PDB file of N, CA and C in Angstrom:
ATOM      1  N   MET A   1      -1.710  43.698 -30.615  1.00  0.00           N
ATOM      2  CA  MET A   1      -1.342  42.490 -31.324  1.00  0.00           C
ATOM      3  C   MET A   1      -0.068  41.887 -30.742  1.00  0.00           C
ATOM      4  N   LYS A   2       0.884  42.764 -30.359  1.00  0.00           N
ATOM      5  CA  LYS A   2       2.141  42.273 -29.821  1.00  0.00           C
ATOM      6  C   LYS A   2       1.938  41.499 -28.519  1.00  0.00           C
ATOM      7  N   LEU A   3       0.962  41.864 -27.716  1.00  0.00           N
ATOM      8  CA  LEU A   3       0.711  41.200 -26.451  1.00  0.00           C
ATOM      9  C   LEU A   3      -0.109  39.916 -26.620  1.00  0.00           C
ATOM     10  N   ILE A   4      -0.949  39.879 -27.617  1.00  0.00           N
ATOM     11  CA  ILE A   4      -1.815  38.717 -27.829  1.00  0.00           C
ATOM     12  C   ILE A   4      -1.002  37.499 -28.260  1.00  0.00           C
ATOM     13  N   PHE A   5      -0.034  37.668 -29.135  1.00  0.00           N
ATOM     14  CA  PHE A   5       0.754  36.529 -29.630  1.00  0.00           C
ATOM     15  C   PHE A   5       1.509  35.823 -28.506  1.00  0.00           C
ATOM     16  N   PRO A   6       2.266  36.544 -27.658  1.00  0.00           N
ATOM     17  CA  PRO A   6       2.947  35.838 -26.568  1.00  0.00           C
ATOM     18  C   PRO A   6       1.970  35.151 -25.605  1.00  0.00           C
ATOM     19  N   MET A   7       0.835  35.780 -25.367  1.00  0.00           N
ATOM     20  CA  MET A   7      -0.153  35.174 -24.485  1.00  0.00           C
ATOM     21  C   MET A   7      -0.723  33.904 -25.109  1.00  0.00           C
ATOM     22  N   SER A   8      -0.930  33.906 -26.425  1.00  0.00           N
ATOM     23  CA  SER A   8      -1.438  32.719 -27.114  1.00  0.00           C
ATOM     24  C   SER A   8      -0.422  31.599 -27.048  1.00  0.00           C
ATOM     25  N   VAL A   9       0.839  31.914 -27.243  1.00  0.00           N
ATOM     26  CA  VAL A   9       1.895  30.910 -27.182  1.00  0.00           C
ATOM     27  C   VAL A   9       1.957  30.324 -25.774  1.00  0.00           C
ATOM     28  N   LEU A  10       1.856  31.172 -24.791  1.00  0.00           N
ATOM     29  CA  LEU A  10       1.882  30.714 -23.407  1.00  0.00           C
ATOM     30  C   LEU A  10       0.692  29.794 -23.106  1.00  0.00           C
ATOM     31  N   ALA A  11      -0.473  30.159 -23.577  1.00  0.00           N
ATOM     32  CA  ALA A  11      -1.670  29.344 -23.331  1.00  0.00           C
ATOM     33  C   ALA A  11      -1.555  27.986 -24.024  1.00  0.00           C
ATOM     34  N   VAL A  12      -1.100  27.987 -25.263  1.00  0.00           N
ATOM     35  CA  VAL A  12      -0.967  26.733 -26.010  1.00  0.00           C
ATOM     36  C   VAL A  12       0.101  25.844 -25.372  1.00  0.00           C
ATOM     37  N   SER A  13       1.230  26.430 -24.979  1.00  0.00           N
ATOM     38  CA  SER A  13       2.283  25.618 -24.367  1.00  0.00           C
ATOM     39  C   SER A  13       1.831  25.064 -23.014  1.00  0.00           C
ATOM     40  N   SER A  14       1.051  25.815 -22.280  1.00  0.00           N
ATOM     41  CA  SER A  14       0.517  25.316 -21.011  1.00  0.00           C
ATOM     42  C   SER A  14      -0.410  24.137 -21.238  1.00  0.00           C
ATOM     43  N   LEU A  15      -1.237  24.222 -22.256  1.00  0.00           N
ATOM     44  CA  LEU A  15      -2.134  23.113 -22.578  1.00  0.00           C
ATOM     45  C   LEU A  15      -1.350  21.882 -23.001  1.00  0.00           C
ATOM     46  N   LEU A  16      -0.318  22.071 -23.785  1.00  0.00           N
ATOM     47  CA  LEU A  16       0.498  20.950 -24.233  1.00  0.00           C
ATOM     48  C   LEU A  16       1.192  20.275 -23.052  1.00  0.00           C
ATOM     49  N   LEU A  17       1.698  21.073 -22.134  1.00  0.00           N
ATOM     50  CA  LEU A  17       2.343  20.504 -20.956  1.00  0.00           C
ATOM     51  C   LEU A  17       1.344  19.745 -20.102  1.00  0.00           C
ATOM     52  N   ALA A  18       0.165  20.281 -19.955  1.00  0.00           N
ATOM     53  CA  ALA A  18      -0.849  19.613 -19.149  1.00  0.00           C
ATOM     54  C   ALA A  18      -1.270  18.292 -19.783  1.00  0.00           C
ATOM     55  N   CYS A  19      -1.391  18.277 -21.098  1.00  0.00           N
ATOM     56  CA  CYS A  19      -1.782  17.042 -21.778  1.00  0.00           C
ATOM     57  C   CYS A  19      -0.644  16.030 -21.797  1.00  0.00           C
ATOM     58  N   GLY A  20       0.579  16.491 -21.728  1.00  0.00           N
ATOM     59  CA  GLY A  20       1.719  15.603 -21.807  1.00  0.00           C
ATOM     60  C   GLY A  20       2.057  14.904 -20.501  1.00  0.00           C
ATOM     61  N   SER A  21       1.492  15.351 -19.397  1.00  0.00           N
ATOM     62  CA  SER A  21       1.827  14.727 -18.125  1.00  0.00           C
ATOM     63  C   SER A  21       1.083  13.401 -17.979  1.00  0.00           C
ATOM     64  N   ALA A  22       1.650  12.528 -17.183  1.00  0.00           N
ATOM     65  CA  ALA A  22       1.055  11.212 -16.972  1.00  0.00           C
ATOM     66  C   ALA A  22      -0.196  11.335 -16.109  1.00  0.00           C
ATOM     67  N   PRO A  23      -1.177  10.476 -16.344  1.00  0.00           N
ATOM     68  CA  PRO A  23      -2.380  10.516 -15.498  1.00  0.00           C
ATOM     69  C   PRO A  23      -2.067  10.018 -14.094  1.00  0.00           C
ATOM     70  N   ALA A  24      -2.853  10.459 -13.152  1.00  0.00           N
ATOM     71  CA  ALA A  24      -2.657  10.028 -11.763  1.00  0.00           C
ATOM     72  C   ALA A  24      -2.870   8.520 -11.668  1.00  0.00           C
ATOM     73  N   PRO A  25      -1.944   7.813 -11.036  1.00  0.00           N
ATOM     74  CA  PRO A  25      -2.032   6.350 -10.942  1.00  0.00           C
ATOM     75  C   PRO A  25      -2.974   5.884  -9.828  1.00  0.00           C
ATOM     76  N   THR A  26      -4.243   6.247  -9.955  1.00  0.00           N
ATOM     77  CA  THR A  26      -5.212   5.948  -8.897  1.00  0.00           C
ATOM     78  C   THR A  26      -5.409   4.443  -8.694  1.00  0.00           C
ATOM     79  N   ALA A  27      -5.361   3.672  -9.773  1.00  0.00           N
ATOM     80  CA  ALA A  27      -5.527   2.218  -9.633  1.00  0.00           C
ATOM     81  C   ALA A  27      -4.363   1.622  -8.845  1.00  0.00           C
ATOM     82  N   LYS A  28      -3.160   2.151  -9.081  1.00  0.00           N
ATOM     83  CA  LYS A  28      -2.002   1.645  -8.340  1.00  0.00           C
ATOM     84  C   LYS A  28      -2.064   2.053  -6.877  1.00  0.00           C
ATOM     85  N   VAL A  29      -2.612   3.220  -6.597  1.00  0.00           N
ATOM     86  CA  VAL A  29      -2.779   3.636  -5.205  1.00  0.00           C
ATOM     87  C   VAL A  29      -3.699   2.633  -4.504  1.00  0.00           C
ATOM     88  N   ALA A  30      -4.807   2.308  -5.154  1.00  0.00           N
ATOM     89  CA  ALA A  30      -5.768   1.383  -4.556  1.00  0.00           C
ATOM     90  C   ALA A  30      -5.159  -0.004  -4.350  1.00  0.00           C
ATOM     91  N   SER A  31      -4.430  -0.499  -5.340  1.00  0.00           N
ATOM     92  CA  SER A  31      -3.856  -1.843  -5.199  1.00  0.00           C
ATOM     93  C   SER A  31      -2.740  -1.859  -4.156  1.00  0.00           C
ATOM     94  N   SER A  32      -1.986  -0.778  -4.057  1.00  0.00           N
ATOM     95  CA  SER A  32      -0.936  -0.701  -3.038  1.00  0.00           C
ATOM     96  C   SER A  32      -1.549  -0.628  -1.647  1.00  0.00           C
ATOM     97  N   GLU A  33      -2.614   0.160  -1.515  1.00  0.00           N
ATOM     98  CA  GLU A  33      -3.310   0.242  -0.228  1.00  0.00           C
ATOM     99  C   GLU A  33      -3.879  -1.120   0.165  1.00  0.00           C
ATOM    100  N   ALA A  34      -4.415  -1.852  -0.806  1.00  0.00           N
ATOM    101  CA  ALA A  34      -4.973  -3.177  -0.522  1.00  0.00           C
ATOM    102  C   ALA A  34      -3.878  -4.139  -0.068  1.00  0.00           C
ATOM    103  N   ALA A  35      -2.716  -4.067  -0.707  1.00  0.00           N
ATOM    104  CA  ALA A  35      -1.606  -4.943  -0.322  1.00  0.00           C
ATOM    105  C   ALA A  35      -1.116  -4.603   1.085  1.00  0.00           C
ATOM    106  N   VAL A  36      -1.050  -3.324   1.413  1.00  0.00           N
ATOM    107  CA  VAL A  36      -0.637  -2.901   2.761  1.00  0.00           C
ATOM    108  C   VAL A  36      -1.659  -3.388   3.788  1.00  0.00           C
ATOM    109  N   ARG A  37      -2.941  -3.244   3.452  1.00  0.00           N
ATOM    110  CA  ARG A  37      -4.003  -3.706   4.352  1.00  0.00           C
ATOM    111  C   ARG A  37      -3.919  -5.220   4.566  1.00  0.00           C
ATOM    112  N   ALA A  38      -3.677  -5.951   3.492  1.00  0.00           N
ATOM    113  CA  ALA A  38      -3.578  -7.415   3.590  1.00  0.00           C
ATOM    114  C   ALA A  38      -2.424  -7.815   4.498  1.00  0.00           C
ATOM    115  N   ALA A  39      -1.306  -7.138   4.367  1.00  0.00           N
ATOM    116  CA  ALA A  39      -0.153  -7.449   5.224  1.00  0.00           C
ATOM    117  C   ALA A  39      -0.484  -7.173   6.682  1.00  0.00           C
ATOM    118  N   GLY A  40      -1.183  -6.095   6.932  1.00  0.00           N
ATOM    119  CA  GLY A  40      -1.586  -5.772   8.293  1.00  0.00           C
ATOM    120  C   GLY A  40      -2.531  -6.810   8.869  1.00  0.00           C
ATOM    121  N   GLU A  41      -3.463  -7.288   8.040  1.00  0.00           N
ATOM    122  CA  GLU A  41      -4.423  -8.296   8.503  1.00  0.00           C
ATOM    123  C   GLU A  41      -3.748  -9.630   8.797  1.00  0.00           C
ATOM    124  N   LEU A  42      -2.614  -9.877   8.165  1.00  0.00           N
ATOM    125  CA  LEU A  42      -1.869 -11.120   8.412  1.00  0.00           C
ATOM    126  C   LEU A  42      -0.844 -10.949   9.535  1.00  0.00           C
ATOM    127  N   ASN A  43      -0.989  -9.859  10.289  1.00  0.00           N
ATOM    128  CA  ASN A  43      -0.110  -9.580  11.433  1.00  0.00           C
ATOM    129  C   ASN A  43       1.362  -9.460  11.043  1.00  0.00           C
ATOM    130  N   ALA A  44       1.620  -8.828   9.915  1.00  0.00           N
ATOM    131  CA  ALA A  44       2.998  -8.633   9.478  1.00  0.00           C
ATOM    132  C   ALA A  44       3.791  -7.797  10.474  1.00  0.00           C
ATOM    133  N   ASN A  45       3.108  -6.980  11.261  1.00  0.00           N
ATOM    134  CA  ASN A  45       3.815  -6.160  12.258  1.00  0.00           C
ATOM    135  C   ASN A  45       4.423  -6.989  13.384  1.00  0.00           C
ATOM    136  N   ASP A  46       3.985  -8.243  13.512  1.00  0.00           N
ATOM    137  CA  ASP A  46       4.511  -9.112  14.563  1.00  0.00           C
ATOM    138  C   ASP A  46       5.758  -9.878  14.127  1.00  0.00           C
ATOM    139  N   ILE A  47       6.115  -9.757  12.862  1.00  0.00           N
ATOM    140  CA  ILE A  47       7.254 -10.498  12.304  1.00  0.00           C
ATOM    141  C   ILE A  47       8.288  -9.468  11.847  1.00  0.00           C
ATOM    142  N   PRO A  48       9.465  -9.434  12.463  1.00  0.00           N
ATOM    143  CA  PRO A  48      10.422  -8.356  12.190  1.00  0.00           C
ATOM    144  C   PRO A  48      10.717  -8.090  10.706  1.00  0.00           C
ATOM    145  N   THR A  49      10.981  -9.124   9.933  1.00  0.00           N
ATOM    146  CA  THR A  49      11.306  -8.875   8.522  1.00  0.00           C
ATOM    147  C   THR A  49      10.082  -8.383   7.753  1.00  0.00           C
ATOM    148  N   ALA A  50       8.929  -8.950   8.048  1.00  0.00           N
ATOM    149  CA  ALA A  50       7.699  -8.501   7.392  1.00  0.00           C
ATOM    150  C   ALA A  50       7.355  -7.078   7.831  1.00  0.00           C
ATOM    151  N   GLN A  51       7.592  -6.791   9.100  1.00  0.00           N
ATOM    152  CA  GLN A  51       7.321  -5.452   9.628  1.00  0.00           C
ATOM    153  C   GLN A  51       8.143  -4.393   8.885  1.00  0.00           C
ATOM    154  N   LEU A  52       9.402  -4.712   8.615  1.00  0.00           N
ATOM    155  CA  LEU A  52      10.260  -3.785   7.879  1.00  0.00           C
ATOM    156  C   LEU A  52       9.681  -3.483   6.507  1.00  0.00           C
ATOM    157  N   HIS A  53       9.289  -4.517   5.779  1.00  0.00           N
ATOM    158  CA  HIS A  53       8.763  -4.307   4.427  1.00  0.00           C
ATOM    159  C   HIS A  53       7.400  -3.634   4.442  1.00  0.00           C
ATOM    160  N   LEU A  54       6.612  -3.911   5.461  1.00  0.00           N
ATOM    161  CA  LEU A  54       5.326  -3.226   5.599  1.00  0.00           C
ATOM    162  C   LEU A  54       5.541  -1.745   5.863  1.00  0.00           C
ATOM    163  N   LYS A  55       6.510  -1.416   6.712  1.00  0.00           N
ATOM    164  CA  LYS A  55       6.834  -0.005   6.996  1.00  0.00           C
ATOM    165  C   LYS A  55       7.322   0.693   5.732  1.00  0.00           C
ATOM    166  N   LEU A  56       8.205   0.020   4.990  1.00  0.00           N
ATOM    167  CA  LEU A  56       8.684   0.597   3.732  1.00  0.00           C
ATOM    168  C   LEU A  56       7.520   0.850   2.777  1.00  0.00           C
ATOM    169  N   ALA A  57       6.624  -0.115   2.669  1.00  0.00           N
ATOM    170  CA  ALA A  57       5.477   0.025   1.765  1.00  0.00           C
ATOM    171  C   ALA A  57       4.600   1.200   2.180  1.00  0.00           C
ATOM    172  N   GLN A  58       4.335   1.327   3.479  1.00  0.00           N
ATOM    173  CA  GLN A  58       3.494   2.429   3.950  1.00  0.00           C
ATOM    174  C   GLN A  58       4.165   3.776   3.691  1.00  0.00           C
ATOM    175  N   ASP A  59       5.465   3.857   3.954  1.00  0.00           N
ATOM    176  CA  ASP A  59       6.196   5.104   3.700  1.00  0.00           C
ATOM    177  C   ASP A  59       6.180   5.454   2.214  1.00  0.00           C
ATOM    178  N   GLN A  60       6.375   4.455   1.369  1.00  0.00           N
ATOM    179  CA  GLN A  60       6.369   4.698  -0.076  1.00  0.00           C
ATOM    180  C   GLN A  60       4.984   5.098  -0.562  1.00  0.00           C
ATOM    181  N   LEU A  61       3.954   4.515   0.016  1.00  0.00           N
ATOM    182  CA  LEU A  61       2.582   4.883  -0.331  1.00  0.00           C
ATOM    183  C   LEU A  61       2.317   6.338   0.037  1.00  0.00           C
ATOM    184  N   ASP A  62       2.757   6.736   1.211  1.00  0.00           N
ATOM    185  CA  ASP A  62       2.601   8.136   1.634  1.00  0.00           C
ATOM    186  C   ASP A  62       3.367   9.079   0.705  1.00  0.00           C
ATOM    187  N   THR A  63       4.582   8.681   0.340  1.00  0.00           N
ATOM    188  CA  THR A  63       5.393   9.490  -0.572  1.00  0.00           C
ATOM    189  C   THR A  63       4.706   9.618  -1.921  1.00  0.00           C
ATOM    190  N   ALA A  64       4.169   8.527  -2.422  1.00  0.00           N
ATOM    191  CA  ALA A  64       3.502   8.542  -3.727  1.00  0.00           C
ATOM    192  C   ALA A  64       2.289   9.475  -3.713  1.00  0.00           C
ATOM    193  N   LYS A  65       1.541   9.454  -2.629  1.00  0.00           N
ATOM    194  CA  LYS A  65       0.375  10.340  -2.533  1.00  0.00           C
ATOM    195  C   LYS A  65       0.802  11.808  -2.573  1.00  0.00           C
ATOM    196  N   LYS A  66       1.912  12.116  -1.920  1.00  0.00           N
ATOM    197  CA  LYS A  66       2.423  13.493  -1.950  1.00  0.00           C
ATOM    198  C   LYS A  66       2.881  13.860  -3.366  1.00  0.00           C
ATOM    199  N   LEU A  67       3.531  12.901  -4.035  1.00  0.00           N
ATOM    200  CA  LEU A  67       3.969  13.154  -5.413  1.00  0.00           C
ATOM    201  C   LEU A  67       2.785  13.395  -6.335  1.00  0.00           C
ATOM    202  N   ILE A  68       1.709  12.662  -6.129  1.00  0.00           N
ATOM    203  CA  ILE A  68       0.509  12.863  -6.954  1.00  0.00           C
ATOM    204  C   ILE A  68      -0.057  14.256  -6.719  1.00  0.00           C
ATOM    205  N   GLU A  69      -0.080  14.696  -5.463  1.00  0.00           N
ATOM    206  CA  GLU A  69      -0.564  16.041  -5.144  1.00  0.00           C
ATOM    207  C   GLU A  69       0.279  17.107  -5.839  1.00  0.00           C
ATOM    208  N   GLN A  70       1.564  16.817  -6.017  1.00  0.00           N
ATOM    209  CA  GLN A  70       2.483  17.755  -6.664  1.00  0.00           C
ATOM    210  C   GLN A  70       2.484  17.611  -8.184  1.00  0.00           C
ATOM    211  N   GLY A  71       1.688  16.691  -8.704  1.00  0.00           N
ATOM    212  CA  GLY A  71       1.622  16.489 -10.144  1.00  0.00           C
ATOM    213  C   GLY A  71       2.733  15.610 -10.700  1.00  0.00           C
ATOM    214  N   GLU A  72       3.490  14.978  -9.830  1.00  0.00           N
ATOM    215  CA  GLU A  72       4.599  14.107 -10.239  1.00  0.00           C
ATOM    216  C   GLU A  72       4.074  12.673 -10.406  1.00  0.00           C
ATOM    217  N   ASN A  73       3.150  12.495 -11.331  1.00  0.00           N
ATOM    218  CA  ASN A  73       2.457  11.216 -11.458  1.00  0.00           C
ATOM    219  C   ASN A  73       3.359  10.079 -11.920  1.00  0.00           C
ATOM    220  N   LYS A  74       4.297  10.373 -12.800  1.00  0.00           N
ATOM    221  CA  LYS A  74       5.188   9.320 -13.296  1.00  0.00           C
ATOM    222  C   LYS A  74       6.074   8.799 -12.158  1.00  0.00           C
ATOM    223  N   ARG A  75       6.645   9.716 -11.381  1.00  0.00           N
ATOM    224  CA  ARG A  75       7.459   9.300 -10.227  1.00  0.00           C
ATOM    225  C   ARG A  75       6.604   8.569  -9.203  1.00  0.00           C
ATOM    226  N   ALA A  76       5.379   9.051  -8.990  1.00  0.00           N
ATOM    227  CA  ALA A  76       4.468   8.400  -8.051  1.00  0.00           C
ATOM    228  C   ALA A  76       4.185   6.966  -8.497  1.00  0.00           C
ATOM    229  N   ASP A  77       4.051   6.765  -9.797  1.00  0.00           N
ATOM    230  CA  ASP A  77       3.806   5.424 -10.327  1.00  0.00           C
ATOM    231  C   ASP A  77       4.956   4.485  -9.984  1.00  0.00           C
ATOM    232  N   TYR A  78       6.180   4.947 -10.136  1.00  0.00           N
ATOM    233  CA  TYR A  78       7.347   4.126  -9.790  1.00  0.00           C
ATOM    234  C   TYR A  78       7.390   3.823  -8.288  1.00  0.00           C
ATOM    235  N   VAL A  79       7.117   4.821  -7.482  1.00  0.00           N
ATOM    236  CA  VAL A  79       7.135   4.634  -6.032  1.00  0.00           C
ATOM    237  C   VAL A  79       6.032   3.664  -5.608  1.00  0.00           C
ATOM    238  N   LEU A  80       4.877   3.753  -6.262  1.00  0.00           N
ATOM    239  CA  LEU A  80       3.780   2.837  -5.953  1.00  0.00           C
ATOM    240  C   LEU A  80       4.120   1.398  -6.335  1.00  0.00           C
ATOM    241  N   THR A  81       4.885   1.236  -7.400  1.00  0.00           N
ATOM    242  CA  THR A  81       5.322  -0.109  -7.792  1.00  0.00           C
ATOM    243  C   THR A  81       6.183  -0.713  -6.681  1.00  0.00           C
ATOM    244  N   ARG A  82       7.093   0.097  -6.149  1.00  0.00           N
ATOM    245  CA  ARG A  82       7.934  -0.369  -5.033  1.00  0.00           C
ATOM    246  C   ARG A  82       7.095  -0.635  -3.791  1.00  0.00           C
ATOM    247  N   ALA A  83       6.135   0.243  -3.519  1.00  0.00           N
ATOM    248  CA  ALA A  83       5.273   0.074  -2.343  1.00  0.00           C
ATOM    249  C   ALA A  83       4.505  -1.237  -2.429  1.00  0.00           C
ATOM    250  N   GLN A  84       3.958  -1.514  -3.593  1.00  0.00           N
ATOM    251  CA  GLN A  84       3.191  -2.744  -3.738  1.00  0.00           C
ATOM    252  C   GLN A  84       4.095  -3.967  -3.606  1.00  0.00           C
ATOM    253  N   ALA A  85       5.287  -3.897  -4.167  1.00  0.00           N
ATOM    254  CA  ALA A  85       6.220  -5.021  -4.054  1.00  0.00           C
ATOM    255  C   ALA A  85       6.605  -5.264  -2.595  1.00  0.00           C
ATOM    256  N   ASP A  86       6.886  -4.206  -1.852  1.00  0.00           N
ATOM    257  CA  ASP A  86       7.235  -4.369  -0.438  1.00  0.00           C
ATOM    258  C   ASP A  86       6.055  -4.911   0.366  1.00  0.00           C
ATOM    259  N   ALA A  87       4.852  -4.425   0.074  1.00  0.00           N
ATOM    260  CA  ALA A  87       3.673  -4.913   0.787  1.00  0.00           C
ATOM    261  C   ALA A  87       3.425  -6.389   0.471  1.00  0.00           C
ATOM    262  N   GLU A  88       3.587  -6.757  -0.782  1.00  0.00           N
ATOM    263  CA  GLU A  88       3.395  -8.163  -1.155  1.00  0.00           C
ATOM    264  C   GLU A  88       4.467  -9.049  -0.519  1.00  0.00           C
ATOM    265  N   LEU A  89       5.682  -8.543  -0.394  1.00  0.00           N
ATOM    266  CA  LEU A  89       6.726  -9.301   0.297  1.00  0.00           C
ATOM    267  C   LEU A  89       6.373  -9.468   1.774  1.00  0.00           C
ATOM    268  N   ALA A  90       5.837  -8.426   2.391  1.00  0.00           N
ATOM    269  CA  ALA A  90       5.405  -8.525   3.789  1.00  0.00           C
ATOM    270  C   ALA A  90       4.305  -9.577   3.937  1.00  0.00           C
ATOM    271  N   VAL A  91       3.389  -9.624   2.979  1.00  0.00           N
ATOM    272  CA  VAL A  91       2.326 -10.639   2.993  1.00  0.00           C
ATOM    273  C   VAL A  91       2.944 -12.030   2.901  1.00  0.00           C
ATOM    274  N   ALA A  92       3.872 -12.204   1.968  1.00  0.00           N
ATOM    275  CA  ALA A  92       4.506 -13.510   1.779  1.00  0.00           C
ATOM    276  C   ALA A  92       5.273 -13.947   3.029  1.00  0.00           C
ATOM    277  N   LEU A  93       5.988 -13.018   3.640  1.00  0.00           N
ATOM    278  CA  LEU A  93       6.737 -13.342   4.853  1.00  0.00           C
ATOM    279  C   LEU A  93       5.804 -13.699   6.008  1.00  0.00           C
ATOM    280  N   ALA A  94       4.696 -12.988   6.107  1.00  0.00           N
ATOM    281  CA  ALA A  94       3.730 -13.284   7.170  1.00  0.00           C
ATOM    282  C   ALA A  94       3.099 -14.665   6.953  1.00  0.00           C
ATOM    283  N   LYS A  95       2.758 -14.968   5.711  1.00  0.00           N
ATOM    284  CA  LYS A  95       2.185 -16.287   5.406  1.00  0.00           C
ATOM    285  C   LYS A  95       3.205 -17.384   5.672  1.00  0.00           C
ATOM    286  N   GLU A  96       4.439 -17.149   5.278  1.00  0.00           N
ATOM    287  CA  GLU A  96       5.496 -18.147   5.477  1.00  0.00           C
ATOM    288  C   GLU A  96       5.688 -18.433   6.957  1.00  0.00           C
ATOM    289  N   THR A  97       5.668 -17.406   7.777  1.00  0.00           N
ATOM    290  CA  THR A  97       5.819 -17.586   9.220  1.00  0.00           C
ATOM    291  C   THR A  97       4.646 -18.366   9.799  1.00  0.00           C
ATOM    292  N   ALA A  98       3.435 -18.052   9.351  1.00  0.00           N
ATOM    293  CA  ALA A  98       2.256 -18.766   9.846  1.00  0.00           C
ATOM    294  C   ALA A  98       2.312 -20.238   9.445  1.00  0.00           C
ATOM    295  N   ILE A  99       2.729 -20.503   8.234  1.00  0.00           N
ATOM    296  CA  ILE A  99       2.826 -21.887   7.763  1.00  0.00           C
ATOM    297  C   ILE A  99       3.912 -22.636   8.530  1.00  0.00           C
ATOM    298  N   ALA A 100       5.027 -21.974   8.786  1.00  0.00           N
ATOM    299  CA  ALA A 100       6.107 -22.614   9.547  1.00  0.00           C
ATOM    300  C   ALA A 100       5.637 -22.966  10.964  1.00  0.00           C
ATOM    301  N   LYS A 101       4.853 -22.079  11.575  1.00  0.00           N
ATOM    302  CA  LYS A 101       4.326 -22.360  12.916  1.00  0.00           C
ATOM    303  C   LYS A 101       3.371 -23.549  12.875  1.00  0.00           C
ATOM    304  N   GLU A 102       2.523 -23.601  11.857  1.00  0.00           N
ATOM    305  CA  GLU A 102       1.605 -24.732  11.721  1.00  0.00           C
ATOM    306  C   GLU A 102       2.371 -26.033  11.523  1.00  0.00           C
ATOM    307  N   ALA A 103       3.411 -25.989  10.717  1.00  0.00           N
ATOM    308  CA  ALA A 103       4.217 -27.184  10.472  1.00  0.00           C
ATOM    309  C   ALA A 103       4.910 -27.638  11.753  1.00  0.00           C
ATOM    310  N   GLU A 104       5.410 -26.704  12.524  1.00  0.00           N
ATOM    311  CA  GLU A 104       6.070 -27.051  13.789  1.00  0.00           C
ATOM    312  C   GLU A 104       5.076 -27.673  14.763  1.00  0.00           C
ATOM    313  N   THR A 105       3.862 -27.133  14.804  1.00  0.00           N
ATOM    314  CA  THR A 105       2.827 -27.699  15.666  1.00  0.00           C
ATOM    315  C   THR A 105       2.486 -29.127  15.231  1.00  0.00           C
ATOM    316  N   ALA A 106       2.363 -29.328  13.935  1.00  0.00           N
ATOM    317  CA  ALA A 106       2.069 -30.666  13.417  1.00  0.00           C
ATOM    318  C   ALA A 106       3.201 -31.633  13.740  1.00  0.00           C
ATOM    319  N   MET A 107       4.433 -31.205  13.592  1.00  0.00           N
ATOM    320  CA  MET A 107       5.581 -32.067  13.902  1.00  0.00           C
ATOM    321  C   MET A 107       5.624 -32.399  15.394  1.00  0.00           C
ATOM    322  N   ALA A 108       5.273 -31.445  16.226  1.00  0.00           N
ATOM    323  CA  ALA A 108       5.242 -31.696  17.668  1.00  0.00           C
ATOM    324  C   ALA A 108       4.191 -32.759  17.996  1.00  0.00           C
ATOM    325  N   LYS A 109       3.043 -32.703  17.332  1.00  0.00           N
ATOM    326  CA  LYS A 109       2.003 -33.716  17.543  1.00  0.00           C
ATOM    327  C   LYS A 109       2.476 -35.087  17.078  1.00  0.00           C
ATOM    328  N   VAL A 110       3.182 -35.115  15.955  1.00  0.00           N
ATOM    329  CA  VAL A 110       3.715 -36.384  15.441  1.00  0.00           C
ATOM    330  C   VAL A 110       4.708 -36.970  16.433  1.00  0.00           C
ATOM    331  N   ARG A 111       5.603 -36.148  16.938  1.00  0.00           N
ATOM    332  CA  ARG A 111       6.588 -36.622  17.930  1.00  0.00           C
ATOM    333  C   ARG A 111       5.887 -37.133  19.179  1.00  0.00           C
ATOM    334  N   GLU A 112       4.848 -36.431  19.590  1.00  0.00           N
ATOM    335  CA  GLU A 112       4.090 -36.842  20.772  1.00  0.00           C
ATOM    336  C   GLU A 112       3.409 -38.195  20.549  1.00  0.00           C
ATOM    337  N   LEU A 113       2.839 -38.390  19.385  1.00  0.00           N
ATOM    338  CA  LEU A 113       2.172 -39.659  19.072  1.00  0.00           C
ATOM    339  C   LEU A 113       3.184 -40.801  18.956  1.00  0.00           C
ATOM    340  N   LYS A 114       4.344 -40.506  18.412  1.00  0.00           N
ATOM    341  CA  LYS A 114       5.389 -41.533  18.291  1.00  0.00           C
ATOM    342  C   LYS A 114       5.902 -41.948  19.671  1.00  0.00           C
ATOM    343  N   ALA A 115       5.914 -41.024  20.595  1.00  0.00           N
ATOM    344  CA  ALA A 115       6.427 -41.305  21.936  1.00  0.00           C
ATOM    345  C   ALA A 115       5.475 -42.211  22.725  1.00  0.00           C
ATOM    346  N   LYS A 116       4.237 -42.272  22.352  1.00  0.00           N
ATOM    347  CA  LYS A 116       3.254 -43.074  23.097  1.00  0.00           C
ATOM    348  C   LYS A 116       3.351 -44.522  22.754  1.00  0.00           C
TER     349      LYS A 116
END
């Protein structure tokens, strides 16, 4: 009887701890991966500031995956939030650069037409 009680307490406390942990943020992993992929497709690696944020996002995504493997789901959730924000910033910077190039091309055409 003396051995059964401590074992029961240990089993119950283990169950409580397992139920109390945060669920794995799988949806955030997917959305962060999608944001990183989008930045890559917009050639963020060709733009220094966007490249920095894309690298940060990828590193944070890798860190979050390791945290999930270790059961640190709450911390992984925070890291994934940062990863997604950095990836979205890389997307915005890549789009801004592309738009600026298009605007410069259009202005060059306008100047050329005015010169004629």
